[in-house]
C-alpha cells in the first residue's frame, strides 16, 4: 500500500513508548503495533485524531504517500 504511517518516527520525536501511547489513546498494544509496522489496511478517523492529539501533531506528520510502495506490496502478497 502506498500510504505509510510514520508512527515510529513520531514516537521517537516525542520520546514516547508504544505502550504509553496505547494507554493514552485507548487502543490495544497489538492494534497499535499493526499500525506501527504498516500492516494495517485502514485506520479510523477517531484513531487518527487520538494519535494526533497525544503526539501533538497533524495527520500529515503521520501519513506519507509513496507511490512506489504499491509494487513492493504486490510482490510481498504474491510471495505469501
PDB file of N, CA and C in Angstrom:
ATOM      1  N   UNK A   1       0.847  -1.174   0.000  1.00  0.00           N
ATOM      2  CA  UNK A   1       0.000   0.000   0.000  1.00  0.00           C
ATOM      3  C   UNK A   1       0.893   1.238   0.000  1.00  0.00           C
ATOM      4  N   UNK A   2       0.594   2.198  -0.833  1.00  0.00           N
ATOM      5  CA  UNK A   2       1.467   3.367  -0.958  1.00  0.00           C
ATOM      6  C   UNK A   2       1.333   4.390   0.169  1.00  0.00           C
ATOM      7  N   UNK A   3       0.417   4.195   1.095  1.00  0.00           N
ATOM      8  CA  UNK A   3       0.280   5.130   2.215  1.00  0.00           C
ATOM      9  C   UNK A   3       0.903   4.493   3.452  1.00  0.00           C
ATOM     10  N   UNK A   4       1.862   5.189   4.014  1.00  0.00           N
ATOM     11  CA  UNK A   4       2.590   4.690   5.180  1.00  0.00           C
ATOM     12  C   UNK A   4       2.253   5.531   6.403  1.00  0.00           C
ATOM     13  N   UNK A   5       2.291   4.905   7.560  1.00  0.00           N
ATOM     14  CA  UNK A   5       2.061   5.592   8.822  1.00  0.00           C
ATOM     15  C   UNK A   5       3.399   5.699   9.545  1.00  0.00           C
ATOM     16  N   UNK A   6       3.894   6.900   9.692  1.00  0.00           N
ATOM     17  CA  UNK A   6       5.198   7.141  10.315  1.00  0.00           C
ATOM     18  C   UNK A   6       5.082   7.252  11.829  1.00  0.00           C
ATOM     19  N   UNK A   7       4.458   6.258  12.424  1.00  0.00           N
ATOM     20  CA  UNK A   7       4.229   6.268  13.858  1.00  0.00           C
ATOM     21  C   UNK A   7       5.537   6.128  14.639  1.00  0.00           C
ATOM     22  N   UNK A   8       6.428   5.271  14.172  1.00  0.00           N
ATOM     23  CA  UNK A   8       7.690   5.080  14.879  1.00  0.00           C
ATOM     24  C   UNK A   8       8.518   6.358  14.933  1.00  0.00           C
ATOM     25  N   UNK A   9       8.502   7.106  13.846  1.00  0.00           N
ATOM     26  CA  UNK A   9       9.237   8.375  13.801  1.00  0.00           C
ATOM     27  C   UNK A   9       8.674   9.374  14.816  1.00  0.00           C
ATOM     28  N   UNK A  10       7.351   9.465  14.879  1.00  0.00           N
ATOM     29  CA  UNK A  10       6.732  10.398  15.824  1.00  0.00           C
ATOM     30  C   UNK A  10       6.962   9.965  17.271  1.00  0.00           C
ATOM     31  N   UNK A  11       6.987   8.671  17.519  1.00  0.00           N
ATOM     32  CA  UNK A  11       7.261   8.189  18.877  1.00  0.00           C
ATOM     33  C   UNK A  11       8.673   8.581  19.316  1.00  0.00           C
ATOM     34  N   UNK A  12       9.619   8.461  18.416  1.00  0.00           N
ATOM     35  CA  UNK A  12      10.998   8.850  18.734  1.00  0.00           C
ATOM     36  C   UNK A  12      11.068  10.351  18.985  1.00  0.00           C
ATOM     37  N   UNK A  13      10.430  11.125  18.129  1.00  0.00           N
ATOM     38  CA  UNK A  13      10.449  12.590  18.290  1.00  0.00           C
ATOM     39  C   UNK A  13       9.825  13.020  19.604  1.00  0.00           C
ATOM     40  N   UNK A  14       8.802  12.306  20.049  1.00  0.00           N
ATOM     41  CA  UNK A  14       8.097  12.670  21.285  1.00  0.00           C
ATOM     42  C   UNK A  14       8.652  11.939  22.500  1.00  0.00           C
ATOM     43  N   UNK A  15       9.669  11.083  22.269  1.00  0.00           N
ATOM     44  CA  UNK A  15      10.290  10.308  23.351  1.00  0.00           C
ATOM     45  C   UNK A  15       9.228   9.555  24.144  1.00  0.00           C
ATOM     46  N   UNK A  16       8.397   8.826  23.396  1.00  0.00           N
ATOM     47  CA  UNK A  16       7.289   8.101  23.989  1.00  0.00           C
ATOM     48  C   UNK A  16       7.374   6.630  23.590  1.00  0.00           C
ATOM     49  N   UNK A  17       7.020   5.766  24.501  1.00  0.00           N
ATOM     50  CA  UNK A  17       6.992   4.327  24.237  1.00  0.00           C
ATOM     51  C   UNK A  17       5.632   3.944  23.641  1.00  0.00           C
ATOM     52  N   UNK A  18       5.621   2.864  22.893  1.00  0.00           N
ATOM     53  CA  UNK A  18       4.399   2.387  22.269  1.00  0.00           C
ATOM     54  C   UNK A  18       3.346   2.041  23.315  1.00  0.00           C
ATOM     55  N   UNK A  19       3.772   1.456  24.424  1.00  0.00           N
ATOM     56  CA  UNK A  19       2.821   1.094  25.483  1.00  0.00           C
ATOM     57  C   UNK A  19       2.167   2.334  26.094  1.00  0.00           C
ATOM     58  N   UNK A  20       2.934   3.390  26.270  1.00  0.00           N
ATOM     59  CA  UNK A  20       2.385   4.639  26.817  1.00  0.00           C
ATOM     60  C   UNK A  20       1.351   5.226  25.858  1.00  0.00           C
ATOM     61  N   UNK A  21       1.673   5.234  24.571  1.00  0.00           N
ATOM     62  CA  UNK A  21       0.739   5.759  23.577  1.00  0.00           C
ATOM     63  C   UNK A  21      -0.535   4.924  23.534  1.00  0.00           C
ATOM     64  N   UNK A  22      -0.393   3.614  23.616  1.00  0.00           N
ATOM     65  CA  UNK A  22      -1.560   2.722  23.602  1.00  0.00           C
ATOM     66  C   UNK A  22      -2.499   3.051  24.758  1.00  0.00           C
ATOM     67  N   UNK A  23      -1.945   3.264  25.940  1.00  0.00           N
ATOM     68  CA  UNK A  23      -2.755   3.614  27.107  1.00  0.00           C
ATOM     69  C   UNK A  23      -3.448   4.959  26.922  1.00  0.00           C
ATOM     70  N   UNK A  24      -2.722   5.942  26.426  1.00  0.00           N
ATOM     71  CA  UNK A  24      -3.274   7.288  26.246  1.00  0.00           C
ATOM     72  C   UNK A  24      -4.380   7.325  25.197  1.00  0.00           C
ATOM     73  N   UNK A  25      -4.193   6.553  24.123  1.00  0.00           N
ATOM     74  CA  UNK A  25      -5.146   6.570  23.007  1.00  0.00           C
ATOM     75  C   UNK A  25      -6.330   5.645  23.281  1.00  0.00           C
ATOM     76  N   UNK A  26      -6.106   4.621  24.106  1.00  0.00           N
ATOM     77  CA  UNK A  26      -7.168   3.671  24.383  1.00  0.00           C
ATOM     78  C   UNK A  26      -7.295   2.618  23.293  1.00  0.00           C
ATOM     79  N   UNK A  27      -6.174   2.197  22.760  1.00  0.00           N
ATOM     80  CA  UNK A  27      -6.120   1.178  21.724  1.00  0.00           C
ATOM     81  C   UNK A  27      -5.205   0.070  22.234  1.00  0.00           C
ATOM     82  N   UNK A  28      -5.475  -1.159  21.833  1.00  0.00           N
ATOM     83  CA  UNK A  28      -4.638  -2.256  22.313  1.00  0.00           C
ATOM     84  C   UNK A  28      -3.228  -2.129  21.752  1.00  0.00           C
ATOM     85  N   UNK A  29      -2.292  -2.652  22.490  1.00  0.00           N
ATOM     86  CA  UNK A  29      -0.908  -2.632  22.052  1.00  0.00           C
ATOM     87  C   UNK A  29      -0.748  -3.411  20.742  1.00  0.00           C
ATOM     88  N   UNK A  30      -1.498  -4.500  20.604  1.00  0.00           N
ATOM     89  CA  UNK A  30      -1.433  -5.304  19.374  1.00  0.00           C
ATOM     90  C   UNK A  30      -1.885  -4.493  18.164  1.00  0.00           C
ATOM     91  N   UNK A  31      -2.995  -3.780  18.294  1.00  0.00           N
ATOM     92  CA  UNK A  31      -3.501  -2.973  17.172  1.00  0.00           C
ATOM     93  C   UNK A  31      -2.578  -1.802  16.854  1.00  0.00           C
ATOM     94  N   UNK A  32      -2.031  -1.203  17.878  1.00  0.00           N
ATOM     95  CA  UNK A  32      -1.099  -0.098  17.663  1.00  0.00           C
ATOM     96  C   UNK A  32       0.181  -0.610  16.989  1.00  0.00           C
ATOM     97  N   UNK A  33       0.597  -1.801  17.350  1.00  0.00           N
ATOM     98  CA  UNK A  33       1.773  -2.409  16.734  1.00  0.00           C
ATOM     99  C   UNK A  33       1.529  -2.678  15.247  1.00  0.00           C
ATOM    100  N   UNK A  34       0.334  -3.100  14.895  1.00  0.00           N
ATOM    101  CA  UNK A  34      -0.029  -3.313  13.486  1.00  0.00           C
ATOM    102  C   UNK A  34       0.083  -2.002  12.717  1.00  0.00           C
ATOM    103  N   UNK A  35      -0.382  -0.922  13.311  1.00  0.00           N
ATOM    104  CA  UNK A  35      -0.261   0.386  12.678  1.00  0.00           C
ATOM    105  C   UNK A  35       1.206   0.776  12.521  1.00  0.00           C
ATOM    106  N   UNK A  36       1.985   0.544  13.561  1.00  0.00           N
ATOM    107  CA  UNK A  36       3.397   0.928  13.554  1.00  0.00           C
ATOM    108  C   UNK A  36       4.187   0.168  12.492  1.00  0.00           C
ATOM    109  N   UNK A  37       3.821  -1.075  12.257  1.00  0.00           N
ATOM    110  CA  UNK A  37       4.541  -1.916  11.300  1.00  0.00           C
ATOM    111  C   UNK A  37       3.999  -1.793   9.876  1.00  0.00           C
ATOM    112  N   UNK A  38       3.104  -0.852   9.643  1.00  0.00           N
ATOM    113  CA  UNK A  38       2.496  -0.643   8.321  1.00  0.00           C
ATOM    114  C   UNK A  38       1.795  -1.888   7.791  1.00  0.00           C
ATOM    115  N   UNK A  39       1.158  -2.639   8.682  1.00  0.00           N
ATOM    116  CA  UNK A  39       0.419  -3.826   8.271  1.00  0.00           C
ATOM    117  C   UNK A  39      -1.088  -3.572   8.241  1.00  0.00           C
ATOM    118  N   UNK A  40      -1.497  -2.394   8.674  1.00  0.00           N
ATOM    119  CA  UNK A  40      -2.920  -2.052   8.708  1.00  0.00           C
ATOM    120  C   UNK A  40      -3.419  -1.729   7.305  1.00  0.00           C
ATOM    121  N   UNK A  41      -4.646  -2.114   7.021  1.00  0.00           N
ATOM    122  CA  UNK A  41      -5.264  -1.813   5.743  1.00  0.00           C
ATOM    123  C   UNK A  41      -6.135  -0.559   5.820  1.00  0.00           C
ATOM    124  N   UNK A  42      -6.439  -0.125   7.044  1.00  0.00           N
ATOM    125  CA  UNK A  42      -7.291   1.051   7.239  1.00  0.00           C
ATOM    126  C   UNK A  42      -7.038   1.612   8.634  1.00  0.00           C
ATOM    127  N   UNK A  43      -7.470   2.856   8.823  1.00  0.00           N
ATOM    128  CA  UNK A  43      -7.401   3.483  10.149  1.00  0.00           C
ATOM    129  C   UNK A  43      -8.640   4.361  10.300  1.00  0.00           C
ATOM    130  N   UNK A  44      -9.261   4.283  11.439  1.00  0.00           N
ATOM    131  CA  UNK A  44     -10.441   5.116  11.704  1.00  0.00           C
ATOM    132  C   UNK A  44      -9.999   6.554  11.957  1.00  0.00           C
ATOM    133  N   UNK A  45     -10.841   7.482  11.537  1.00  0.00           N
ATOM    134  CA  UNK A  45     -10.532   8.887  11.793  1.00  0.00           C
ATOM    135  C   UNK A  45     -10.449   9.158  13.285  1.00  0.00           C
ATOM    136  N   UNK A  46     -11.256   8.477  14.083  1.00  0.00           N
ATOM    137  CA  UNK A  46     -11.206   8.688  15.531  1.00  0.00           C
ATOM    138  C   UNK A  46      -9.857   8.235  16.096  1.00  0.00           C
ATOM    139  N   UNK A  47      -9.293   7.159  15.542  1.00  0.00           N
ATOM    140  CA  UNK A  47      -7.971   6.698  15.969  1.00  0.00           C
ATOM    141  C   UNK A  47      -6.900   7.683  15.530  1.00  0.00           C
ATOM    142  N   UNK A  48      -7.003   8.142  14.293  1.00  0.00           N
ATOM    143  CA  UNK A  48      -6.047   9.128  13.781  1.00  0.00           C
ATOM    144  C   UNK A  48      -6.110  10.405  14.614  1.00  0.00           C
ATOM    145  N   UNK A  49      -7.315  10.820  14.953  1.00  0.00           N
ATOM    146  CA  UNK A  49      -7.486  12.010  15.785  1.00  0.00           C
ATOM    147  C   UNK A  49      -6.824  11.824  17.151  1.00  0.00           C
ATOM    148  N   UNK A  50      -7.032  10.662  17.763  1.00  0.00           N
ATOM    149  CA  UNK A  50      -6.441  10.394  19.079  1.00  0.00           C
ATOM    150  C   UNK A  50      -4.915  10.346  19.007  1.00  0.00           C
ATOM    151  N   UNK A  51      -4.388   9.742  17.952  1.00  0.00           N
ATOM    152  CA  UNK A  51      -2.939   9.709  17.775  1.00  0.00           C
ATOM    153  C   UNK A  51      -2.378  11.120  17.638  1.00  0.00           C
ATOM    154  N   UNK A  52      -3.030  11.937  16.823  1.00  0.00           N
ATOM    155  CA  UNK A  52      -2.572  13.321  16.640  1.00  0.00           C
ATOM    156  C   UNK A  52      -2.663  14.115  17.937  1.00  0.00           C
ATOM    157  N   UNK A  53      -3.732  13.894  18.690  1.00  0.00           N
ATOM    158  CA  UNK A  53      -3.901  14.596  19.967  1.00  0.00           C
ATOM    159  C   UNK A  53      -2.769  14.242  20.925  1.00  0.00           C
ATOM    160  N   UNK A  54      -2.492  12.962  21.088  1.00  0.00           N
ATOM    161  CA  UNK A  54      -1.488  12.522  22.058  1.00  0.00           C
ATOM    162  C   UNK A  54      -0.061  12.780  21.601  1.00  0.00           C
ATOM    163  N   UNK A  55       0.167  12.747  20.297  1.00  0.00           N
ATOM    164  CA  UNK A  55       1.513  13.006  19.778  1.00  0.00           C
ATOM    165  C   UNK A  55       1.716  14.477  19.427  1.00  0.00           C
ATOM    166  N   UNK A  56       0.660  15.275  19.602  1.00  0.00           N
ATOM    167  CA  UNK A  56       0.697  16.709  19.310  1.00  0.00           C
ATOM    168  C   UNK A  56       1.241  16.959  17.910  1.00  0.00           C
ATOM    169  N   UNK A  57       0.548  16.383  16.931  1.00  0.00           N
ATOM    170  CA  UNK A  57       0.972  16.519  15.542  1.00  0.00           C
ATOM    171  C   UNK A  57      -0.246  16.624  14.631  1.00  0.00           C
ATOM    172  N   UNK A  58       0.007  16.800  13.374  1.00  0.00           N
ATOM    173  CA  UNK A  58      -1.034  16.862  12.353  1.00  0.00           C
ATOM    174  C   UNK A  58      -1.090  15.515  11.625  1.00  0.00           C
ATOM    175  N   UNK A  59      -2.234  15.167  11.011  1.00  0.00           N
ATOM    176  CA  UNK A  59      -2.313  13.907  10.260  1.00  0.00           C
ATOM    177  C   UNK A  59      -1.200  13.771   9.217  1.00  0.00           C
ATOM    178  N   UNK A  60      -0.835  14.874   8.584  1.00  0.00           N
ATOM    179  CA  UNK A  60       0.232  14.845   7.590  1.00  0.00           C
ATOM    180  C   UNK A  60       1.602  14.517   8.170  1.00  0.00           C
ATOM    181  N   UNK A  61       1.756  14.698   9.485  1.00  0.00           N
ATOM    182  CA  UNK A  61       3.008  14.308  10.134  1.00  0.00           C
ATOM    183  C   UNK A  61       3.108  12.784  10.269  1.00  0.00           C
ATOM    184  N   UNK A  62       1.955  12.137  10.327  1.00  0.00           N
ATOM    185  CA  UNK A  62       1.902  10.683  10.482  1.00  0.00           C
ATOM    186  C   UNK A  62       1.791   9.941   9.155  1.00  0.00           C
ATOM    187  N   UNK A  63       1.028  10.493   8.232  1.00  0.00           N
ATOM    188  CA  UNK A  63       0.749   9.809   6.969  1.00  0.00           C
ATOM    189  C   UNK A  63       1.681  10.265   5.867  1.00  0.00           C
ATOM    190  N   UNK A  64       2.123   9.305   5.073  1.00  0.00           N
ATOM    191  CA  UNK A  64       3.024   9.603   3.954  1.00  0.00           C
ATOM    192  C   UNK A  64       2.583   8.790   2.745  1.00  0.00           C
ATOM    193  N   UNK A  65       2.596   9.416   1.584  1.00  0.00           N
ATOM    194  CA  UNK A  65       2.225   8.753   0.335  1.00  0.00           C
ATOM    195  C   UNK A  65       3.476   8.425  -0.465  1.00  0.00           C
ATOM    196  N   UNK A  66       3.679   7.146  -0.756  1.00  0.00           N
ATOM    197  CA  UNK A  66       4.813   6.681  -1.556  1.00  0.00           C
ATOM    198  C   UNK A  66       4.288   5.777  -2.666  1.00  0.00           C
ATOM    199  N   UNK A  67       4.116   6.315  -3.876  1.00  0.00           N
ATOM    200  CA  UNK A  67       3.542   5.532  -4.972  1.00  0.00           C
ATOM    201  C   UNK A  67       4.290   4.235  -5.276  1.00  0.00           C
ATOM    202  N   UNK A  68       5.596   4.194  -5.132  1.00  0.00           N
ATOM    203  CA  UNK A  68       6.376   3.001  -5.433  1.00  0.00           C
ATOM    204  C   UNK A  68       6.096   1.836  -4.506  1.00  0.00           C
ATOM    205  N   UNK A  69       5.450   2.106  -3.378  1.00  0.00           N
ATOM    206  CA  UNK A  69       5.162   1.053  -2.413  1.00  0.00           C
ATOM    207  C   UNK A  69       4.109   0.075  -2.923  1.00  0.00           C
ATOM    208  N   UNK A  70       3.322   0.466  -3.924  1.00  0.00           N
ATOM    209  CA  UNK A  70       2.292  -0.423  -4.470  1.00  0.00           C
ATOM    210  C   UNK A  70       2.939  -1.674  -5.037  1.00  0.00           C
ATOM    211  N   UNK A  71       3.983  -1.516  -5.822  1.00  0.00           N
ATOM    212  CA  UNK A  71       4.658  -2.660  -6.426  1.00  0.00           C
ATOM    213  C   UNK A  71       5.276  -3.549  -5.365  1.00  0.00           C
ATOM    214  N   UNK A  72       5.897  -2.956  -4.350  1.00  0.00           N
ATOM    215  CA  UNK A  72       6.518  -3.738  -3.287  1.00  0.00           C
ATOM    216  C   UNK A  72       5.472  -4.545  -2.522  1.00  0.00           C
ATOM    217  N   UNK A  73       4.327  -3.920  -2.233  1.00  0.00           N
ATOM    218  CA  UNK A  73       3.262  -4.613  -1.513  1.00  0.00           C
ATOM    219  C   UNK A  73       2.719  -5.773  -2.345  1.00  0.00           C
ATOM    220  N   UNK A  74       2.538  -5.548  -3.638  1.00  0.00           N
ATOM    221  CA  UNK A  74       2.043  -6.612  -4.503  1.00  0.00           C
ATOM    222  C   UNK A  74       3.023  -7.777  -4.567  1.00  0.00           C
ATOM    223  N   UNK A  75       4.303  -7.487  -4.606  1.00  0.00           N
ATOM    224  CA  UNK A  75       5.322  -8.533  -4.627  1.00  0.00           C
ATOM    225  C   UNK A  75       5.283  -9.344  -3.325  1.00  0.00           C
ATOM    226  N   UNK A  76       5.121  -8.667  -2.186  1.00  0.00           N
ATOM    227  CA  UNK A  76       5.050  -9.372  -0.901  1.00  0.00           C
ATOM    228  C   UNK A  76       3.840 -10.272  -0.852  1.00  0.00           C
ATOM    229  N   UNK A  77       2.691  -9.792  -1.352  1.00  0.00           N
ATOM    230  CA  UNK A  77       1.476 -10.597  -1.326  1.00  0.00           C
ATOM    231  C   UNK A  77       1.606 -11.825  -2.223  1.00  0.00           C
ATOM    232  N   UNK A  78       2.291 -11.689  -3.352  1.00  0.00           N
ATOM    233  CA  UNK A  78       2.481 -12.817  -4.270  1.00  0.00           C
ATOM    234  C   UNK A  78       3.357 -13.889  -3.647  1.00  0.00           C
ATOM    235  N   UNK A  79       4.307 -13.501  -2.808  1.00  0.00           N
ATOM    236  CA  UNK A  79       5.198 -14.448  -2.171  1.00  0.00           C
ATOM    237  C   UNK A  79       4.507 -15.237  -1.064  1.00  0.00           C
ATOM    238  N   UNK A  80       3.433 -14.721  -0.525  1.00  0.00           N
ATOM    239  CA  UNK A  80       2.751 -15.388   0.601  1.00  0.00           C
ATOM    240  C   UNK A  80       1.815 -16.454   0.141  1.00  0.00           C
TER     241      UNK A  80
END
